[in-house]
Amino acid sequence: MLRIDGAGDTKAQVNAGKLRELYWFRDKEGLEVDFVVPQPSGRVALVEMRASRTVTPADARSLERLAAAAGASASGAYVVHPATRTEAGSTLAPGVSALPLEELLRRIG
């Protein structure tokens, strides 16, 4: 199972009224995810940002791989885009949703 350093301290940060931190992920093989967002539950949300208004399943590949490696530690994986031609919350790959930024903030904010 994948362990994201610092994610275990999330409950303590939230309970102390501190702001949550953001992390990014990159491994030796080049697997990269833009944001790893600690959640109050101790799990993490995985987020990939795209400038394109239209996203495709290819945009979800790195998230799909990292979410599989994270297992139960991942609370969700999202490809975030500025506006949508894709329905909010549409599935790009198993466990990976496409969302406009506003919807992501509502879900994990």
PDB file of N, CA and C in Angstrom:
ATOM      1  N   MET A   1       0.845  -1.187   0.000  1.00  0.00           N
ATOM      2  CA  MET A   1       0.000   0.000   0.000  1.00  0.00           C
ATOM      3  C   MET A   1       0.887   1.246   0.000  1.00  0.00           C
ATOM      4  N   LEU A   2       0.478   2.245  -0.711  1.00  0.00           N
ATOM      5  CA  LEU A   2       1.205   3.494  -0.832  1.00  0.00           C
ATOM      6  C   LEU A   2       0.976   4.357   0.392  1.00  0.00           C
ATOM      7  N   ARG A   3       2.022   4.939   0.919  1.00  0.00           N
ATOM      8  CA  ARG A   3       1.892   5.873   2.041  1.00  0.00           C
ATOM      9  C   ARG A   3       2.348   7.233   1.551  1.00  0.00           C
ATOM     10  N   ILE A   4       1.491   8.228   1.708  1.00  0.00           N
ATOM     11  CA  ILE A   4       1.831   9.594   1.338  1.00  0.00           C
ATOM     12  C   ILE A   4       2.338  10.272   2.601  1.00  0.00           C
ATOM     13  N   ASP A   5       3.615  10.664   2.631  1.00  0.00           N
ATOM     14  CA  ASP A   5       4.177  11.289   3.818  1.00  0.00           C
ATOM     15  C   ASP A   5       3.390  12.523   4.213  1.00  0.00           C
ATOM     16  N   GLY A   6       3.112  12.630   5.489  1.00  0.00           N
ATOM     17  CA  GLY A   6       2.393  13.783   6.012  1.00  0.00           C
ATOM     18  C   GLY A   6       0.897  13.580   6.074  1.00  0.00           C
ATOM     19  N   ALA A   7       0.356  12.615   5.324  1.00  0.00           N
ATOM     20  CA  ALA A   7      -1.093  12.432   5.286  1.00  0.00           C
ATOM     21  C   ALA A   7      -1.637  11.962   6.625  1.00  0.00           C
ATOM     22  N   GLY A   8      -0.844  11.258   7.413  1.00  0.00           N
ATOM     23  CA  GLY A   8      -1.305  10.768   8.709  1.00  0.00           C
ATOM     24  C   GLY A   8      -1.524  11.870   9.723  1.00  0.00           C
ATOM     25  N   ASP A   9      -0.971  13.058   9.491  1.00  0.00           N
ATOM     26  CA  ASP A   9      -1.113  14.173  10.414  1.00  0.00           C
ATOM     27  C   ASP A   9      -2.339  15.023  10.128  1.00  0.00           C
ATOM     28  N   THR A  10      -3.138  14.640   9.146  1.00  0.00           N
ATOM     29  CA  THR A  10      -4.258  15.466   8.710  1.00  0.00           C
ATOM     30  C   THR A  10      -5.272  15.695   9.817  1.00  0.00           C
ATOM     31  N   LYS A  11      -5.688  14.651  10.529  1.00  0.00           N
ATOM     32  CA  LYS A  11      -6.679  14.815  11.591  1.00  0.00           C
ATOM     33  C   LYS A  11      -6.191  15.803  12.638  1.00  0.00           C
ATOM     34  N   ALA A  12      -4.927  15.697  13.019  1.00  0.00           N
ATOM     35  CA  ALA A  12      -4.376  16.609  14.022  1.00  0.00           C
ATOM     36  C   ALA A  12      -4.380  18.039  13.505  1.00  0.00           C
ATOM     37  N   GLN A  13      -4.045  18.239  12.226  1.00  0.00           N
ATOM     38  CA  GLN A  13      -4.052  19.588  11.646  1.00  0.00           C
ATOM     39  C   GLN A  13      -5.453  20.178  11.653  1.00  0.00           C
ATOM     40  N   VAL A  14      -6.422  19.403  11.210  1.00  0.00           N
ATOM     41  CA  VAL A  14      -7.800  19.892  11.139  1.00  0.00           C
ATOM     42  C   VAL A  14      -8.340  20.171  12.533  1.00  0.00           C
ATOM     43  N   ASN A  15      -8.105  19.256  13.477  1.00  0.00           N
ATOM     44  CA  ASN A  15      -8.597  19.442  14.841  1.00  0.00           C
ATOM     45  C   ASN A  15      -7.964  20.645  15.524  1.00  0.00           C
ATOM     46  N   ALA A  16      -6.746  20.988  15.133  1.00  0.00           N
ATOM     47  CA  ALA A  16      -6.060  22.151  15.712  1.00  0.00           C
ATOM     48  C   ALA A  16      -6.439  23.442  14.994  1.00  0.00           C
ATOM     49  N   GLY A  17      -7.324  23.351  13.994  1.00  0.00           N
ATOM     50  CA  GLY A  17      -7.743  24.538  13.257  1.00  0.00           C
ATOM     51  C   GLY A  17      -6.730  25.011  12.237  1.00  0.00           C
ATOM     52  N   LYS A  18      -5.750  24.183  11.913  1.00  0.00           N
ATOM     53  CA  LYS A  18      -4.734  24.548  10.925  1.00  0.00           C
ATOM     54  C   LYS A  18      -5.252  24.243   9.525  1.00  0.00           C
ATOM     55  N   LEU A  19      -4.743  24.962   8.565  1.00  0.00           N
ATOM     56  CA  LEU A  19      -5.094  24.703   7.174  1.00  0.00           C
ATOM     57  C   LEU A  19      -4.488  23.384   6.730  1.00  0.00           C
ATOM     58  N   ARG A  20      -5.216  22.677   5.880  1.00  0.00           N
ATOM     59  CA  ARG A  20      -4.670  21.447   5.319  1.00  0.00           C
ATOM     60  C   ARG A  20      -3.593  21.802   4.304  1.00  0.00           C
ATOM     61  N   GLU A  21      -2.644  20.908   4.153  1.00  0.00           N
ATOM     62  CA  GLU A  21      -1.570  21.127   3.195  1.00  0.00           C
ATOM     63  C   GLU A  21      -1.854  20.363   1.915  1.00  0.00           C
ATOM     64  N   LEU A  22      -1.198  20.792   0.839  1.00  0.00           N
ATOM     65  CA  LEU A  22      -1.257  20.102  -0.446  1.00  0.00           C
ATOM     66  C   LEU A  22       0.096  19.479  -0.726  1.00  0.00           C
ATOM     67  N   TYR A  23       0.082  18.348  -1.389  1.00  0.00           N
ATOM     68  CA  TYR A  23       1.309  17.670  -1.780  1.00  0.00           C
ATOM     69  C   TYR A  23       1.216  17.345  -3.259  1.00  0.00           C
ATOM     70  N   TRP A  24       2.331  16.997  -3.865  1.00  0.00           N
ATOM     71  CA  TRP A  24       2.338  16.489  -5.226  1.00  0.00           C
ATOM     72  C   TRP A  24       3.084  15.174  -5.174  1.00  0.00           C
ATOM     73  N   PHE A  25       2.940  14.382  -6.216  1.00  0.00           N
ATOM     74  CA  PHE A  25       3.557  13.060  -6.226  1.00  0.00           C
ATOM     75  C   PHE A  25       4.266  12.821  -7.545  1.00  0.00           C
ATOM     76  N   ARG A  26       5.471  12.289  -7.447  1.00  0.00           N
ATOM     77  CA  ARG A  26       6.202  11.818  -8.629  1.00  0.00           C
ATOM     78  C   ARG A  26       7.128  10.709  -8.188  1.00  0.00           C
ATOM     79  N   ASP A  27       7.117   9.586  -8.925  1.00  0.00           N
ATOM     80  CA  ASP A  27       8.012   8.485  -8.578  1.00  0.00           C
ATOM     81  C   ASP A  27       9.160   8.376  -9.578  1.00  0.00           C
ATOM     82  N   LYS A  28      10.033   7.420  -9.357  1.00  0.00           N
ATOM     83  CA  LYS A  28      11.224   7.247 -10.203  1.00  0.00           C
ATOM     84  C   LYS A  28      10.887   6.925 -11.647  1.00  0.00           C
ATOM     85  N   GLU A  29       9.744   6.285 -11.869  1.00  0.00           N
ATOM     86  CA  GLU A  29       9.340   5.907 -13.229  1.00  0.00           C
ATOM     87  C   GLU A  29       8.620   7.043 -13.951  1.00  0.00           C
ATOM     88  N   GLY A  30       8.423   8.184 -13.294  1.00  0.00           N
ATOM     89  CA  GLY A  30       7.784   9.322 -13.936  1.00  0.00           C
ATOM     90  C   GLY A  30       6.284   9.427 -13.714  1.00  0.00           C
ATOM     91  N   LEU A  31       5.707   8.520 -12.908  1.00  0.00           N
ATOM     92  CA  LEU A  31       4.293   8.639 -12.556  1.00  0.00           C
ATOM     93  C   LEU A  31       4.130   9.900 -11.723  1.00  0.00           C
ATOM     94  N   GLU A  32       3.244  10.782 -12.174  1.00  0.00           N
ATOM     95  CA  GLU A  32       3.119  12.079 -11.530  1.00  0.00           C
ATOM     96  C   GLU A  32       1.649  12.463 -11.390  1.00  0.00           C
ATOM     97  N   VAL A  33       1.310  13.065 -10.256  1.00  0.00           N
ATOM     98  CA  VAL A  33      -0.029  13.581 -10.003  1.00  0.00           C
ATOM     99  C   VAL A  33       0.139  14.991  -9.454  1.00  0.00           C
ATOM    100  N   ASP A  34      -0.670  15.922  -9.952  1.00  0.00           N
ATOM    101  CA  ASP A  34      -0.515  17.336  -9.601  1.00  0.00           C
ATOM    102  C   ASP A  34      -0.741  17.634  -8.127  1.00  0.00           C
ATOM    103  N   PHE A  35      -1.812  17.099  -7.543  1.00  0.00           N
ATOM    104  CA  PHE A  35      -2.114  17.397  -6.142  1.00  0.00           C
ATOM    105  C   PHE A  35      -2.539  16.142  -5.399  1.00  0.00           C
ATOM    106  N   VAL A  36      -2.004  15.980  -4.202  1.00  0.00           N
ATOM    107  CA  VAL A  36      -2.448  14.972  -3.249  1.00  0.00           C
ATOM    108  C   VAL A  36      -3.012  15.780  -2.090  1.00  0.00           C
ATOM    109  N   VAL A  37      -4.332  15.677  -1.877  1.00  0.00           N
ATOM    110  CA  VAL A  37      -5.028  16.531  -0.909  1.00  0.00           C
ATOM    111  C   VAL A  37      -5.443  15.695   0.294  1.00  0.00           C
ATOM    112  N   PRO A  38      -4.788  15.903   1.453  1.00  0.00           N
ATOM    113  CA  PRO A  38      -5.186  15.162   2.653  1.00  0.00           C
ATOM    114  C   PRO A  38      -6.615  15.512   3.061  1.00  0.00           C
ATOM    115  N   GLN A  39      -7.352  14.491   3.463  1.00  0.00           N
ATOM    116  CA  GLN A  39      -8.733  14.656   3.919  1.00  0.00           C
ATOM    117  C   GLN A  39      -8.797  14.456   5.433  1.00  0.00           C
ATOM    118  N   PRO A  40      -9.790  15.012   6.097  1.00  0.00           N
ATOM    119  CA  PRO A  40      -9.916  14.838   7.547  1.00  0.00           C
ATOM    120  C   PRO A  40      -9.985  13.370   7.974  1.00  0.00           C
ATOM    121  N   SER A  41     -10.424  12.500   7.097  1.00  0.00           N
ATOM    122  CA  SER A  41     -10.525  11.070   7.407  1.00  0.00           C
ATOM    123  C   SER A  41      -9.164  10.382   7.466  1.00  0.00           C
ATOM    124  N   GLY A  42      -8.100  11.082   7.036  1.00  0.00           N
ATOM    125  CA  GLY A  42      -6.779  10.470   6.957  1.00  0.00           C
ATOM    126  C   GLY A  42      -6.491   9.906   5.574  1.00  0.00           C
ATOM    127  N   ARG A  43      -7.491   9.881   4.712  1.00  0.00           N
ATOM    128  CA  ARG A  43      -7.308   9.437   3.326  1.00  0.00           C
ATOM    129  C   ARG A  43      -6.891  10.637   2.481  1.00  0.00           C
ATOM    130  N   VAL A  44      -6.580  10.411   1.217  1.00  0.00           N
ATOM    131  CA  VAL A  44      -6.165  11.500   0.332  1.00  0.00           C
ATOM    132  C   VAL A  44      -6.988  11.502  -0.955  1.00  0.00           C
ATOM    133  N   ALA A  45      -7.246  12.697  -1.464  1.00  0.00           N
ATOM    134  CA  ALA A  45      -7.857  12.858  -2.782  1.00  0.00           C
ATOM    135  C   ALA A  45      -6.730  13.127  -3.770  1.00  0.00           C
ATOM    136  N   LEU A  46      -6.788  12.507  -4.926  1.00  0.00           N
ATOM    137  CA  LEU A  46      -5.770  12.669  -5.967  1.00  0.00           C
ATOM    138  C   LEU A  46      -6.355  13.539  -7.065  1.00  0.00           C
ATOM    139  N   VAL A  47      -5.612  14.590  -7.457  1.00  0.00           N
ATOM    140  CA  VAL A  47      -6.151  15.569  -8.398  1.00  0.00           C
ATOM    141  C   VAL A  47      -5.147  15.852  -9.502  1.00  0.00           C
ATOM    142  N   GLU A  48      -5.627  15.785 -10.734  1.00  0.00           N
ATOM    143  CA  GLU A  48      -4.836  16.156 -11.910  1.00  0.00           C
ATOM    144  C   GLU A  48      -5.544  17.342 -12.557  1.00  0.00           C
ATOM    145  N   MET A  49      -4.831  18.420 -12.815  1.00  0.00           N
ATOM    146  CA  MET A  49      -5.412  19.620 -13.412  1.00  0.00           C
ATOM    147  C   MET A  49      -5.189  19.604 -14.918  1.00  0.00           C
ATOM    148  N   ARG A  50      -6.207  20.027 -15.664  1.00  0.00           N
ATOM    149  CA  ARG A  50      -6.111  20.145 -17.117  1.00  0.00           C
ATOM    150  C   ARG A  50      -6.651  21.498 -17.538  1.00  0.00           C
ATOM    151  N   ALA A  51      -5.990  22.136 -18.495  1.00  0.00           N
ATOM    152  CA  ALA A  51      -6.437  23.435 -19.001  1.00  0.00           C
ATOM    153  C   ALA A  51      -7.533  23.272 -20.050  1.00  0.00           C
ATOM    154  N   SER A  52      -7.604  22.113 -20.661  1.00  0.00           N
ATOM    155  CA  SER A  52      -8.587  21.868 -21.716  1.00  0.00           C
ATOM    156  C   SER A  52      -9.997  21.803 -21.145  1.00  0.00           C
ATOM    157  N   ARG A  53     -10.952  22.325 -21.894  1.00  0.00           N
ATOM    158  CA  ARG A  53     -12.353  22.253 -21.468  1.00  0.00           C
ATOM    159  C   ARG A  53     -12.930  20.857 -21.667  1.00  0.00           C
ATOM    160  N   THR A  54     -12.292  20.073 -22.508  1.00  0.00           N
ATOM    161  CA  THR A  54     -12.731  18.704 -22.754  1.00  0.00           C
ATOM    162  C   THR A  54     -11.631  17.761 -22.288  1.00  0.00           C
ATOM    163  N   VAL A  55     -11.992  16.797 -21.454  1.00  0.00           N
ATOM    164  CA  VAL A  55     -11.017  15.828 -20.961  1.00  0.00           C
ATOM    165  C   VAL A  55     -11.353  14.453 -21.518  1.00  0.00           C
ATOM    166  N   THR A  56     -10.343  13.597 -21.582  1.00  0.00           N
ATOM    167  CA  THR A  56     -10.501  12.269 -22.165  1.00  0.00           C
ATOM    168  C   THR A  56      -9.986  11.213 -21.191  1.00  0.00           C
ATOM    169  N   PRO A  57     -10.288   9.946 -21.435  1.00  0.00           N
ATOM    170  CA  PRO A  57      -9.753   8.889 -20.574  1.00  0.00           C
ATOM    171  C   PRO A  57      -8.226   8.888 -20.483  1.00  0.00           C
ATOM    172  N   ALA A  58      -7.542   9.339 -21.515  1.00  0.00           N
ATOM    173  CA  ALA A  58      -6.074   9.403 -21.463  1.00  0.00           C
ATOM    174  C   ALA A  58      -5.597  10.341 -20.361  1.00  0.00           C
ATOM    175  N   ASP A  59      -6.395  11.358 -20.034  1.00  0.00           N
ATOM    176  CA  ASP A  59      -6.035  12.302 -18.969  1.00  0.00           C
ATOM    177  C   ASP A  59      -6.085  11.662 -17.586  1.00  0.00           C
ATOM    178  N   ALA A  60      -6.693  10.490 -17.484  1.00  0.00           N
ATOM    179  CA  ALA A  60      -6.873   9.828 -16.192  1.00  0.00           C
ATOM    180  C   ALA A  60      -5.837   8.748 -15.902  1.00  0.00           C
ATOM    181  N   ARG A  61      -4.947   8.470 -16.838  1.00  0.00           N
ATOM    182  CA  ARG A  61      -4.036   7.322 -16.687  1.00  0.00           C
ATOM    183  C   ARG A  61      -3.184   7.374 -15.422  1.00  0.00           C
ATOM    184  N   SER A  62      -2.530   8.502 -15.165  1.00  0.00           N
ATOM    185  CA  SER A  62      -1.663   8.564 -13.982  1.00  0.00           C
ATOM    186  C   SER A  62      -2.480   8.462 -12.697  1.00  0.00           C
ATOM    187  N   LEU A  63      -3.661   9.075 -12.675  1.00  0.00           N
ATOM    188  CA  LEU A  63      -4.518   8.986 -11.492  1.00  0.00           C
ATOM    189  C   LEU A  63      -4.977   7.555 -11.258  1.00  0.00           C
ATOM    190  N   GLU A  64      -5.329   6.878 -12.325  1.00  0.00           N
ATOM    191  CA  GLU A  64      -5.791   5.496 -12.218  1.00  0.00           C
ATOM    192  C   GLU A  64      -4.692   4.615 -11.624  1.00  0.00           C
ATOM    193  N   ARG A  65      -3.470   4.787 -12.090  1.00  0.00           N
ATOM    194  CA  ARG A  65      -2.341   3.995 -11.581  1.00  0.00           C
ATOM    195  C   ARG A  65      -2.049   4.315 -10.122  1.00  0.00           C
ATOM    196  N   LEU A  66      -2.018   5.603  -9.767  1.00  0.00           N
ATOM    197  CA  LEU A  66      -1.703   5.970  -8.390  1.00  0.00           C
ATOM    198  C   LEU A  66      -2.834   5.572  -7.444  1.00  0.00           C
ATOM    199  N   ALA A  67      -4.084   5.724  -7.863  1.00  0.00           N
ATOM    200  CA  ALA A  67      -5.211   5.317  -7.022  1.00  0.00           C
ATOM    201  C   ALA A  67      -5.166   3.813  -6.753  1.00  0.00           C
ATOM    202  N   ALA A  68      -4.801   3.024  -7.753  1.00  0.00           N
ATOM    203  CA  ALA A  68      -4.684   1.575  -7.568  1.00  0.00           C
ATOM    204  C   ALA A  68      -3.581   1.257  -6.565  1.00  0.00           C
ATOM    205  N   ALA A  69      -2.462   1.975  -6.644  1.00  0.00           N
ATOM    206  CA  ALA A  69      -1.363   1.752  -5.712  1.00  0.00           C
ATOM    207  C   ALA A  69      -1.723   2.202  -4.298  1.00  0.00           C
ATOM    208  N   ALA A  70      -2.513   3.274  -4.188  1.00  0.00           N
ATOM    209  CA  ALA A  70      -2.895   3.809  -2.875  1.00  0.00           C
ATOM    210  C   ALA A  70      -3.958   2.957  -2.199  1.00  0.00           C
ATOM    211  N   GLY A  71      -4.752   2.246  -2.985  1.00  0.00           N
ATOM    212  CA  GLY A  71      -5.786   1.383  -2.417  1.00  0.00           C
ATOM    213  C   GLY A  71      -6.772   2.171  -1.570  1.00  0.00           C
ATOM    214  N   ALA A  72      -7.018   1.695  -0.361  1.00  0.00           N
ATOM    215  CA  ALA A  72      -7.999   2.314   0.542  1.00  0.00           C
ATOM    216  C   ALA A  72      -7.556   3.682   1.053  1.00  0.00           C
ATOM    217  N   SER A  73      -6.296   4.053   0.835  1.00  0.00           N
ATOM    218  CA  SER A  73      -5.817   5.374   1.276  1.00  0.00           C
ATOM    219  C   SER A  73      -6.355   6.505   0.414  1.00  0.00           C
ATOM    220  N   ALA A  74      -6.833   6.184  -0.787  1.00  0.00           N
ATOM    221  CA  ALA A  74      -7.344   7.213  -1.700  1.00  0.00           C
ATOM    222  C   ALA A  74      -8.856   7.368  -1.513  1.00  0.00           C
ATOM    223  N   SER A  75      -9.283   8.602  -1.284  1.00  0.00           N
ATOM    224  CA  SER A  75     -10.716   8.868  -1.123  1.00  0.00           C
ATOM    225  C   SER A  75     -11.389   9.157  -2.454  1.00  0.00           C
ATOM    226  N   GLY A  76     -10.604   9.453  -3.480  1.00  0.00           N
ATOM    227  CA  GLY A  76     -11.139   9.735  -4.801  1.00  0.00           C
ATOM    228  C   GLY A  76     -10.039  10.237  -5.710  1.00  0.00           C
ATOM    229  N   ALA A  77     -10.271  10.154  -7.007  1.00  0.00           N
ATOM    230  CA  ALA A  77      -9.316  10.635  -8.000  1.00  0.00           C
ATOM    231  C   ALA A  77     -10.089  11.460  -9.016  1.00  0.00           C
ATOM    232  N   TYR A  78      -9.571  12.655  -9.309  1.00  0.00           N
ATOM    233  CA  TYR A  78     -10.312  13.614 -10.118  1.00  0.00           C
ATOM    234  C   TYR A  78      -9.427  14.290 -11.156  1.00  0.00           C
ATOM    235  N   VAL A  79      -9.927  14.398 -12.387  1.00  0.00           N
ATOM    236  CA  VAL A  79      -9.318  15.237 -13.403  1.00  0.00           C
ATOM    237  C   VAL A  79     -10.147  16.520 -13.401  1.00  0.00           C
ATOM    238  N   VAL A  80      -9.508  17.629 -13.078  1.00  0.00           N
ATOM    239  CA  VAL A  80     -10.207  18.907 -12.932  1.00  0.00           C
ATOM    240  C   VAL A  80      -9.941  19.760 -14.159  1.00  0.00           C
ATOM    241  N   HIS A  81     -10.998  20.372 -14.681  1.00  0.00           N
ATOM    242  CA  HIS A  81     -10.900  21.191 -15.881  1.00  0.00           C
ATOM    243  C   HIS A  81     -11.701  22.471 -15.673  1.00  0.00           C
ATOM    244  N   PRO A  82     -11.431  23.531 -16.450  1.00  0.00           N
ATOM    245  CA  PRO A  82     -12.040  24.837 -16.196  1.00  0.00           C
ATOM    246  C   PRO A  82     -13.540  24.909 -16.447  1.00  0.00           C
ATOM    247  N   ALA A  83     -14.040  24.228 -17.396  1.00  0.00           N
ATOM    248  CA  ALA A  83     -15.477  24.213 -17.683  1.00  0.00           C
ATOM    249  C   ALA A  83     -15.773  22.849 -18.243  1.00  0.00           C
ATOM    250  N   THR A  84     -16.996  22.587 -18.560  1.00  0.00           N
ATOM    251  CA  THR A  84     -17.284  21.215 -18.936  1.00  0.00           C
ATOM    252  C   THR A  84     -18.069  21.071 -20.230  1.00  0.00           C
ATOM    253  N   ARG A  85     -17.575  20.195 -21.050  1.00  0.00           N
ATOM    254  CA  ARG A  85     -18.362  19.609 -22.129  1.00  0.00           C
ATOM    255  C   ARG A  85     -18.657  18.172 -21.713  1.00  0.00           C
ATOM    256  N   THR A  86     -18.040  17.799 -20.610  1.00  0.00           N
ATOM    257  CA  THR A  86     -18.234  16.489 -20.016  1.00  0.00           C
ATOM    258  C   THR A  86     -19.115  16.707 -18.794  1.00  0.00           C
ATOM    259  N   GLU A  87     -20.066  15.852 -18.551  1.00  0.00           N
ATOM    260  CA  GLU A  87     -20.910  16.010 -17.378  1.00  0.00           C
ATOM    261  C   GLU A  87     -20.063  15.997 -16.125  1.00  0.00           C
ATOM    262  N   ALA A  88     -20.395  16.867 -15.171  1.00  0.00           N
ATOM    263  CA  ALA A  88     -19.692  16.889 -13.894  1.00  0.00           C
ATOM    264  C   ALA A  88     -19.813  15.515 -13.249  1.00  0.00           C
ATOM    265  N   GLY A  89     -18.684  14.984 -12.844  1.00  0.00           N
ATOM    266  CA  GLY A  89     -18.687  13.692 -12.194  1.00  0.00           C
ATOM    267  C   GLY A  89     -18.668  12.514 -13.143  1.00  0.00           C
ATOM    268  N   SER A  90     -18.536  12.765 -14.438  1.00  0.00           N
ATOM    269  CA  SER A  90     -18.501  11.647 -15.377  1.00  0.00           C
ATOM    270  C   SER A  90     -17.231  10.829 -15.149  1.00  0.00           C
ATOM    271  N   THR A  91     -17.326   9.544 -15.371  1.00  0.00           N
ATOM    272  CA  THR A  91     -16.208   8.634 -15.135  1.00  0.00           C
ATOM    273  C   THR A  91     -15.331   8.570 -16.372  1.00  0.00           C
ATOM    274  N   LEU A  92     -14.033   8.844 -16.177  1.00  0.00           N
ATOM    275  CA  LEU A  92     -13.054   8.752 -17.264  1.00  0.00           C
ATOM    276  C   LEU A  92     -12.383   7.387 -17.288  1.00  0.00           C
ATOM    277  N   ALA A  93     -12.218   6.812 -16.093  1.00  0.00           N
ATOM    278  CA  ALA A  93     -11.577   5.511 -15.921  1.00  0.00           C
ATOM    279  C   ALA A  93     -12.094   4.963 -14.591  1.00  0.00           C
ATOM    280  N   PRO A  94     -11.903   3.692 -14.318  1.00  0.00           N
ATOM    281  CA  PRO A  94     -12.376   3.165 -13.038  1.00  0.00           C
ATOM    282  C   PRO A  94     -11.815   3.972 -11.861  1.00  0.00           C
ATOM    283  N   GLY A  95     -12.717   4.568 -11.091  1.00  0.00           N
ATOM    284  CA  GLY A  95     -12.322   5.336  -9.914  1.00  0.00           C
ATOM    285  C   GLY A  95     -11.863   6.756 -10.184  1.00  0.00           C
ATOM    286  N   VAL A  96     -11.925   7.212 -11.435  1.00  0.00           N
ATOM    287  CA  VAL A  96     -11.458   8.562 -11.783  1.00  0.00           C
ATOM    288  C   VAL A  96     -12.606   9.346 -12.421  1.00  0.00           C
ATOM    289  N   SER A  97     -12.946  10.501 -11.810  1.00  0.00           N
ATOM    290  CA  SER A  97     -14.029  11.343 -12.310  1.00  0.00           C
ATOM    291  C   SER A  97     -13.493  12.631 -12.902  1.00  0.00           C
ATOM    292  N   ALA A  98     -14.212  13.167 -13.882  1.00  0.00           N
ATOM    293  CA  ALA A  98     -13.913  14.486 -14.445  1.00  0.00           C
ATOM    294  C   ALA A  98     -14.829  15.486 -13.753  1.00  0.00           C
ATOM    295  N   LEU A  99     -14.234  16.593 -13.276  1.00  0.00           N
ATOM    296  CA  LEU A  99     -15.010  17.605 -12.568  1.00  0.00           C
ATOM    297  C   LEU A  99     -14.542  18.998 -12.927  1.00  0.00           C
ATOM    298  N   PRO A 100     -15.465  19.965 -13.010  1.00  0.00           N
ATOM    299  CA  PRO A 100     -15.026  21.356 -13.061  1.00  0.00           C
ATOM    300  C   PRO A 100     -14.510  21.739 -11.665  1.00  0.00           C
ATOM    301  N   LEU A 101     -13.650  22.725 -11.605  1.00  0.00           N
ATOM    302  CA  LEU A 101     -13.018  23.119 -10.352  1.00  0.00           C
ATOM    303  C   LEU A 101     -14.038  23.378  -9.249  1.00  0.00           C
ATOM    304  N   GLU A 102     -15.122  24.067  -9.549  1.00  0.00           N
ATOM    305  CA  GLU A 102     -16.109  24.397  -8.534  1.00  0.00           C
ATOM    306  C   GLU A 102     -16.687  23.143  -7.875  1.00  0.00           C
ATOM    307  N   GLU A 103     -16.904  22.126  -8.674  1.00  0.00           N
ATOM    308  CA  GLU A 103     -17.454  20.867  -8.125  1.00  0.00           C
ATOM    309  C   GLU A 103     -16.423  20.155  -7.250  1.00  0.00           C
ATOM    310  N   LEU A 104     -15.150  20.179  -7.646  1.00  0.00           N
ATOM    311  CA  LEU A 104     -14.117  19.569  -6.808  1.00  0.00           C
ATOM    312  C   LEU A 104     -14.072  20.250  -5.449  1.00  0.00           C
ATOM    313  N   LEU A 105     -14.090  21.580  -5.420  1.00  0.00           N
ATOM    314  CA  LEU A 105     -14.036  22.304  -4.160  1.00  0.00           C
ATOM    315  C   LEU A 105     -15.241  21.970  -3.286  1.00  0.00           C
ATOM    316  N   ARG A 106     -16.387  21.784  -3.895  1.00  0.00           N
ATOM    317  CA  ARG A 106     -17.576  21.403  -3.131  1.00  0.00           C
ATOM    318  C   ARG A 106     -17.408  20.018  -2.503  1.00  0.00           C
ATOM    319  N   ARG A 107     -16.813  19.097  -3.264  1.00  0.00           N
ATOM    320  CA  ARG A 107     -16.670  17.716  -2.783  1.00  0.00           C
ATOM    321  C   ARG A 107     -15.583  17.537  -1.728  1.00  0.00           C
ATOM    322  N   ILE A 108     -14.437  18.197  -1.915  1.00  0.00           N
ATOM    323  CA  ILE A 108     -13.330  17.961  -0.982  1.00  0.00           C
ATOM    324  C   ILE A 108     -12.971  19.174  -0.151  1.00  0.00           C
ATOM    325  N   GLY A 109     -13.596  20.317  -0.463  1.00  0.00           N
ATOM    326  CA  GLY A 109     -13.293  21.588   0.157  1.00  0.00           C
ATOM    327  C   GLY A 109     -13.095  21.525   1.606  1.00  0.00           C
TER     328      GLY A 109
END
